[in-house]
Amino acid sequence: MKTKWKCVCGYIHDGETAPGKCPKCGASAEKFTLLEEAVAGLVERSRRSNMLHTRVIDLARQIEKVCKEGIQDALDPGCVDVFNKSLAASYEMMKLSMTELAGHMNKGKWG
């Protein structure tokens, strides 16, 4: 696992040393704190979990698009019903992952 440094603004840098300046806020290297190995491990796990949530959101958006096309096609009432139910389910999946990501950000688990 790479060494991780946290800026006073919350930005996390991966590298053996702190960067000369924070790419987010411009703070100098002295404003970075070296994260302990256990904390750095949690950052890595959070990054992975957050990436998975963003993939769920992206897939839900793709389902949304397909369902809207199916509803517009309106082959028969049964098809439209399935597309409407699937559309509602895709919104629910999207909202669940978005809510979880918001919770991660509020807890500083974005990384």
C-alpha atoms as a PDB file:
ATOM      1  CA  MET A   1       0.000   0.000   0.000  1.00  0.00           C
ATOM      2  CA  LYS A   2       1.239   3.462  -0.867  1.00  0.00           C
ATOM      3  CA  THR A   3       1.955   6.012   1.812  1.00  0.00           C
ATOM      4  CA  LYS A   4      -0.862   8.518   2.172  1.00  0.00           C
ATOM      5  CA  TRP A   5      -0.717  12.154   3.209  1.00  0.00           C
ATOM      6  CA  LYS A   6      -3.746  14.236   4.198  1.00  0.00           C
ATOM      7  CA  CYS A   7      -3.892  17.978   3.613  1.00  0.00           C
ATOM      8  CA  VAL A   8      -5.636  20.355   5.994  1.00  0.00           C
ATOM      9  CA  CYS A   9      -8.350  20.726   3.307  1.00  0.00           C
ATOM     10  CA  GLY A  10      -9.011  16.963   3.305  1.00  0.00           C
ATOM     11  CA  TYR A  11      -7.270  16.093   0.042  1.00  0.00           C
ATOM     12  CA  ILE A  12      -5.373  12.791   0.267  1.00  0.00           C
ATOM     13  CA  HIS A  13      -2.125  12.356  -1.649  1.00  0.00           C
ATOM     14  CA  ASP A  14      -0.583   8.962  -2.443  1.00  0.00           C
ATOM     15  CA  GLY A  15       3.203   8.978  -2.433  1.00  0.00           C
ATOM     16  CA  GLU A  16       6.358   8.504  -0.420  1.00  0.00           C
ATOM     17  CA  THR A  17       6.445  12.210   0.421  1.00  0.00           C
ATOM     18  CA  ALA A  18       3.865  14.959   0.648  1.00  0.00           C
ATOM     19  CA  PRO A  19       3.485  16.968  -2.558  1.00  0.00           C
ATOM     20  CA  GLY A  20       5.161  20.361  -2.775  1.00  0.00           C
ATOM     21  CA  LYS A  21       1.724  21.937  -2.877  1.00  0.00           C
ATOM     22  CA  CYS A  22      -1.846  20.644  -2.559  1.00  0.00           C
ATOM     23  CA  PRO A  23      -3.544  20.388  -5.953  1.00  0.00           C
ATOM     24  CA  LYS A  24      -6.876  21.288  -4.334  1.00  0.00           C
ATOM     25  CA  CYS A  25      -6.133  24.234  -2.025  1.00  0.00           C
ATOM     26  CA  GLY A  26      -2.504  25.115  -2.766  1.00  0.00           C
ATOM     27  CA  ALA A  27      -1.273  24.470   0.795  1.00  0.00           C
ATOM     28  CA  SER A  28       2.424  23.724   1.216  1.00  0.00           C
ATOM     29  CA  ALA A  29       3.837  20.270   2.028  1.00  0.00           C
ATOM     30  CA  GLU A  30       4.066  21.242   5.704  1.00  0.00           C
ATOM     31  CA  LYS A  31       0.261  21.315   5.874  1.00  0.00           C
ATOM     32  CA  PHE A  32       0.073  17.566   5.103  1.00  0.00           C
ATOM     33  CA  THR A  33      -0.078  14.879   7.784  1.00  0.00           C
ATOM     34  CA  LEU A  34       1.206  11.360   7.228  1.00  0.00           C
ATOM     35  CA  LEU A  35      -1.676   8.905   7.729  1.00  0.00           C
ATOM     36  CA  GLU A  36      -1.115   5.879   9.916  1.00  0.00           C
ATOM     37  CA  GLU A  37      -1.125   2.552   8.070  1.00  0.00           C
ATOM     38  CA  ALA A  38      -4.507   1.498   9.510  1.00  0.00           C
ATOM     39  CA  VAL A  39      -6.112   4.794   8.466  1.00  0.00           C
ATOM     40  CA  ALA A  40      -4.504   4.583   5.011  1.00  0.00           C
ATOM     41  CA  GLY A  41      -5.976   1.086   4.669  1.00  0.00           C
ATOM     42  CA  LEU A  42      -9.442   2.433   5.434  1.00  0.00           C
ATOM     43  CA  VAL A  43      -8.947   5.126   2.798  1.00  0.00           C
ATOM     44  CA  GLU A  44      -8.183   2.414   0.220  1.00  0.00           C
ATOM     45  CA  ARG A  45     -11.259   0.423   1.244  1.00  0.00           C
ATOM     46  CA  SER A  46     -13.419   3.554   1.111  1.00  0.00           C
ATOM     47  CA  ARG A  47     -12.121   4.390  -2.344  1.00  0.00           C
ATOM     48  CA  ARG A  48     -13.080   0.927  -3.572  1.00  0.00           C
ATOM     49  CA  SER A  49     -16.529   1.037  -1.974  1.00  0.00           C
ATOM     50  CA  ASN A  50     -17.162   4.522  -3.351  1.00  0.00           C
ATOM     51  CA  MET A  51     -16.115   3.379  -6.825  1.00  0.00           C
ATOM     52  CA  LEU A  52     -18.556   0.470  -6.598  1.00  0.00           C
ATOM     53  CA  HIS A  53     -21.364   2.829  -5.585  1.00  0.00           C
ATOM     54  CA  THR A  54     -20.606   5.115  -8.524  1.00  0.00           C
ATOM     55  CA  ARG A  55     -20.775   2.075 -10.820  1.00  0.00           C
ATOM     56  CA  VAL A  56     -24.208   1.173  -9.397  1.00  0.00           C
ATOM     57  CA  ILE A  57     -25.352   4.748 -10.048  1.00  0.00           C
ATOM     58  CA  ASP A  58     -24.044   4.595 -13.619  1.00  0.00           C
ATOM     59  CA  LEU A  59     -25.756   1.245 -14.252  1.00  0.00           C
ATOM     60  CA  ALA A  60     -29.012   2.570 -12.782  1.00  0.00           C
ATOM     61  CA  ARG A  61     -28.792   5.532 -15.185  1.00  0.00           C
ATOM     62  CA  GLN A  62     -28.364   3.107 -18.081  1.00  0.00           C
ATOM     63  CA  ILE A  63     -31.401   1.103 -16.907  1.00  0.00           C
ATOM     64  CA  GLU A  64     -33.350   4.354 -16.643  1.00  0.00           C
ATOM     65  CA  LYS A  65     -32.584   5.194 -20.273  1.00  0.00           C
ATOM     66  CA  VAL A  66     -33.566   1.727 -21.519  1.00  0.00           C
ATOM     67  CA  CYS A  67     -36.794   1.742 -19.521  1.00  0.00           C
ATOM     68  CA  LYS A  68     -37.781   5.146 -20.887  1.00  0.00           C
ATOM     69  CA  GLU A  69     -37.201   3.830 -24.414  1.00  0.00           C
ATOM     70  CA  GLY A  70     -39.343   0.782 -23.612  1.00  0.00           C
ATOM     71  CA  ILE A  71     -42.121   2.951 -22.193  1.00  0.00           C
ATOM     72  CA  GLN A  72     -42.031   5.140 -25.286  1.00  0.00           C
ATOM     73  CA  ASP A  73     -42.091   2.072 -27.554  1.00  0.00           C
ATOM     74  CA  ALA A  74     -45.286   0.942 -25.779  1.00  0.00           C
ATOM     75  CA  LEU A  75     -45.524  -2.458 -27.468  1.00  0.00           C
ATOM     76  CA  ASP A  76     -48.278  -3.559 -25.097  1.00  0.00           C
ATOM     77  CA  PRO A  77     -49.557  -2.763 -21.575  1.00  0.00           C
ATOM     78  CA  GLY A  78     -47.573  -5.653 -20.033  1.00  0.00           C
ATOM     79  CA  CYS A  79     -44.292  -4.385 -21.437  1.00  0.00           C
ATOM     80  CA  VAL A  80     -44.999  -0.820 -20.352  1.00  0.00           C
ATOM     81  CA  ASP A  81     -45.838  -2.076 -16.850  1.00  0.00           C
ATOM     82  CA  VAL A  82     -42.525  -3.966 -16.591  1.00  0.00           C
ATOM     83  CA  PHE A  83     -40.579  -0.960 -17.869  1.00  0.00           C
ATOM     84  CA  ASN A  84     -42.340   1.351 -15.376  1.00  0.00           C
ATOM     85  CA  LYS A  85     -41.580  -1.023 -12.486  1.00  0.00           C
ATOM     86  CA  SER A  86     -37.975  -1.412 -13.608  1.00  0.00           C
ATOM     87  CA  LEU A  87     -37.641   2.361 -13.914  1.00  0.00           C
ATOM     88  CA  ALA A  88     -38.874   2.808 -10.343  1.00  0.00           C
ATOM     89  CA  ALA A  89     -36.430   0.134  -9.136  1.00  0.00           C
ATOM     90  CA  SER A  90     -33.543   1.846 -10.942  1.00  0.00           C
ATOM     91  CA  TYR A  91     -34.386   5.138  -9.187  1.00  0.00           C
ATOM     92  CA  GLU A  92     -34.398   3.319  -5.836  1.00  0.00           C
ATOM     93  CA  MET A  93     -30.981   1.727  -6.519  1.00  0.00           C
ATOM     94  CA  MET A  94     -29.580   5.081  -7.579  1.00  0.00           C
ATOM     95  CA  LYS A  95     -30.923   6.882  -4.497  1.00  0.00           C
ATOM     96  CA  LEU A  96     -29.570   4.206  -2.145  1.00  0.00           C
ATOM     97  CA  SER A  97     -26.038   4.478  -3.519  1.00  0.00           C
ATOM     98  CA  MET A  98     -26.188   8.280  -3.674  1.00  0.00           C
ATOM     99  CA  THR A  99     -27.301   8.393  -0.047  1.00  0.00           C
ATOM    100  CA  GLU A 100     -24.465   6.059   0.980  1.00  0.00           C
ATOM    101  CA  LEU A 101     -21.923   8.202  -0.869  1.00  0.00           C
ATOM    102  CA  ALA A 102     -23.260  11.329   0.832  1.00  0.00           C
ATOM    103  CA  GLY A 103     -22.816   9.577   4.182  1.00  0.00           C
ATOM    104  CA  HIS A 104     -19.248   8.643   3.277  1.00  0.00           C
ATOM    105  CA  MET A 105     -18.463  12.246   2.359  1.00  0.00           C
ATOM    106  CA  ASN A 106     -19.972  13.556   5.585  1.00  0.00           C
ATOM    107  CA  LYS A 107     -17.768  11.111   7.535  1.00  0.00           C
ATOM    108  CA  GLY A 108     -14.672  12.057   5.542  1.00  0.00           C
ATOM    109  CA  LYS A 109     -14.544   8.617   3.935  1.00  0.00           C
ATOM    110  CA  TRP A 110     -14.189   9.842   0.362  1.00  0.00           C
ATOM    111  CA  GLY A 111     -10.391   9.595   0.118  1.00  0.00           C
END
